[in-house]
Amino acid sequence: MASVQLRPGDTLNIVWTSVQETPLGMKEVESNFAFTYEELLARLKAKGRTGKSRRSGTDGARFSRIVALATNAMRKGKWSTGADIDRDVVFNKLMRKFNELENHEYANITSNAREALSELHDSKYLKPNQKKELKSALDAASIPVG
């Protein structure tokens, strides 16, 4: 494997060949990309938003990812790694994370997370006091139940 070093003012040329099918038969084509040192540095320094929604870095979005993990674990009785869970502990951690959200972050909770929380409320996995606690949280975030 080759090692490449770039310094200010240098250009990295990446060249590859591929075979393309044309009406006249198969044809080998050479293609390339050229990046200057400055372009690559700018791309690496950028806090990459490419392919991400505008809210992916918010606390509400992070909470949404926690909801996905926690609700799957509650439903299956295991973490995605296969480790057993204690549903009470998972619920308490989920609620603690919810309570850490500031009110303006509720808008950044994804629709999938909202749906999962609503389904969790309606599930058989929660005790009556947990359903009541979750209902209060969902009401605060304007997430409909049932």
Protein backbone atom coordinates (compact mmCIF):
# COMPACT_ATOMS: atom_id res chain seq x y z
CA MET A 1 0.00 0.00 0.00
CA ALA A 2 1.37 3.39 -0.96
CA SER A 3 1.83 6.18 1.52
CA VAL A 4 1.05 9.68 0.29
CA GLN A 5 1.99 12.98 1.88
CA LEU A 6 0.41 16.28 0.91
CA ARG A 7 1.77 19.70 1.73
CA PRO A 8 0.27 23.15 1.08
CA GLY A 9 0.01 23.73 -2.65
CA ASP A 10 0.12 19.98 -3.49
CA THR A 11 -2.61 18.19 -5.44
CA LEU A 12 -3.71 14.61 -4.89
CA ASN A 13 -4.71 12.84 -8.09
CA ILE A 14 -6.64 9.62 -7.62
CA VAL A 15 -6.71 7.61 -10.85
CA TRP A 16 -8.55 4.36 -11.53
CA THR A 17 -9.66 2.31 -14.49
CA SER A 18 -12.98 0.67 -15.03
CA VAL A 19 -14.65 -1.34 -17.74
CA GLN A 20 -17.76 0.15 -19.31
CA GLU A 21 -20.19 -1.57 -21.59
CA THR A 22 -20.97 0.51 -24.68
CA PRO A 23 -23.09 -0.25 -27.75
CA LEU A 24 -19.81 -1.03 -29.51
CA GLY A 25 -18.65 -3.50 -26.86
CA MET A 26 -16.57 -3.33 -23.69
CA LYS A 27 -14.28 -0.39 -23.21
CA GLU A 28 -11.67 0.30 -20.52
CA VAL A 29 -11.93 3.85 -19.24
CA GLU A 30 -9.55 5.79 -17.01
CA SER A 31 -11.11 8.21 -14.54
CA ASN A 32 -9.66 10.50 -11.92
CA PHE A 33 -10.35 12.88 -9.07
CA ALA A 34 -8.01 15.72 -8.21
CA PHE A 35 -8.02 17.36 -4.78
CA THR A 36 -5.79 20.17 -3.64
CA TYR A 37 -4.28 20.11 -0.17
CA GLU A 38 -6.46 23.08 0.75
CA GLU A 39 -9.67 21.40 -0.49
CA LEU A 40 -8.97 18.23 1.47
CA LEU A 41 -8.09 20.18 4.60
CA ALA A 42 -11.31 22.21 4.31
CA ARG A 43 -13.34 19.00 3.93
CA LEU A 44 -11.68 17.41 6.94
CA LYS A 45 -12.12 20.50 9.11
CA ALA A 46 -15.78 20.98 8.18
CA LYS A 47 -18.16 19.80 10.83
CA GLY A 48 -19.65 17.48 8.25
CA ARG A 49 -23.35 18.06 7.82
CA THR A 50 -23.40 16.20 4.51
CA GLY A 51 -26.19 13.66 4.47
CA LYS A 52 -27.42 14.62 7.91
CA SER A 53 -30.65 16.31 8.81
CA ARG A 54 -30.45 19.80 10.26
CA ARG A 55 -31.24 18.46 13.70
CA SER A 56 -28.92 15.46 13.84
CA GLY A 57 -26.50 17.18 16.22
CA THR A 58 -29.12 18.41 18.67
CA ASP A 59 -29.90 17.01 22.10
CA GLY A 60 -33.37 16.05 20.85
CA ALA A 61 -31.84 13.99 18.04
CA ARG A 62 -29.38 12.33 20.43
CA PHE A 63 -32.29 11.51 22.71
CA SER A 64 -34.10 10.02 19.69
CA ARG A 65 -31.22 7.59 19.17
CA ILE A 66 -31.41 6.61 22.85
CA VAL A 67 -35.16 6.05 22.43
CA ALA A 68 -34.49 3.65 19.55
CA LEU A 69 -32.07 1.59 21.63
CA ALA A 70 -34.16 1.65 24.79
CA THR A 71 -37.51 0.82 23.21
CA ASN A 72 -36.00 -2.08 21.25
CA ALA A 73 -34.41 -3.36 24.45
CA MET A 74 -37.70 -3.02 26.36
CA ARG A 75 -39.54 -4.91 23.63
CA LYS A 76 -37.00 -7.73 23.27
CA GLY A 77 -35.81 -7.97 26.86
CA LYS A 78 -32.21 -7.73 25.64
CA TRP A 79 -29.82 -5.09 24.38
CA SER A 80 -28.85 -5.20 20.73
CA THR A 81 -25.62 -6.89 21.89
CA GLY A 82 -27.64 -9.76 23.35
CA ALA A 83 -27.07 -8.77 26.98
CA ASP A 84 -30.07 -9.13 29.28
CA ILE A 85 -31.73 -5.97 30.58
CA ASP A 86 -33.60 -4.89 33.65
CA ARG A 87 -36.63 -3.08 32.21
CA ASP A 88 -36.98 -0.89 35.30
CA VAL A 89 -33.39 0.31 34.97
CA VAL A 90 -33.77 0.95 31.23
CA PHE A 91 -37.00 2.88 31.79
CA ASN A 92 -35.44 4.98 34.57
CA LYS A 93 -32.43 5.84 32.39
CA LEU A 94 -34.71 6.73 29.48
CA MET A 95 -36.77 9.03 31.68
CA ARG A 96 -33.64 10.62 33.16
CA LYS A 97 -32.43 11.42 29.62
CA PHE A 98 -35.86 12.82 28.74
CA ASN A 99 -35.86 15.02 31.83
CA GLU A 100 -32.42 16.38 30.87
CA LEU A 101 -33.88 17.80 27.62
CA GLU A 102 -34.68 21.48 27.54
CA ASN A 103 -38.22 22.29 26.40
CA HIS A 104 -37.10 23.74 23.04
CA GLU A 105 -35.41 20.40 22.22
CA TYR A 106 -38.76 18.56 22.15
CA ALA A 107 -39.20 19.79 18.58
CA ASN A 108 -36.01 17.93 17.60
CA ILE A 109 -37.27 14.53 18.73
CA THR A 110 -37.70 12.54 15.53
CA SER A 111 -41.07 11.23 14.39
CA ASN A 112 -39.80 7.65 14.77
CA ALA A 113 -38.84 8.34 18.38
CA ARG A 114 -42.20 9.99 19.06
CA GLU A 115 -43.97 6.95 17.65
CA ALA A 116 -41.76 4.55 19.63
CA LEU A 117 -42.43 6.42 22.88
CA SER A 118 -46.16 6.37 22.21
CA GLU A 119 -46.02 2.63 21.48
CA LEU A 120 -43.95 2.06 24.63
CA HIS A 121 -46.65 3.82 26.65
CA ASP A 122 -49.28 1.50 25.18
CA SER A 123 -47.17 -1.64 25.66
CA LYS A 124 -47.44 -4.33 28.31
CA TYR A 125 -43.84 -3.78 29.43
CA LEU A 126 -44.50 -0.80 31.68
CA LYS A 127 -45.91 -0.83 35.20
CA PRO A 128 -48.85 1.51 35.93
CA ASN A 129 -46.64 4.08 37.70
CA GLN A 130 -44.19 4.02 34.76
CA LYS A 131 -47.05 4.56 32.29
CA LYS A 132 -48.17 7.54 34.33
CA GLU A 133 -44.65 9.02 34.41
CA LEU A 134 -44.18 8.48 30.68
CA LYS A 135 -47.62 9.98 29.93
CA SER A 136 -46.66 13.17 31.80
CA ALA A 137 -43.43 13.42 29.81
CA LEU A 138 -45.20 12.78 26.51
CA ASP A 139 -47.81 15.42 27.32
CA ALA A 140 -45.04 17.93 28.09
CA ALA A 141 -43.49 17.23 24.68
CA SER A 142 -46.89 17.25 22.91
CA ILE A 143 -46.48 13.62 21.86
CA PRO A 144 -49.88 11.95 21.46
CA VAL A 145 -50.55 8.62 23.14
CA GLY A 146 -52.64 5.79 21.76
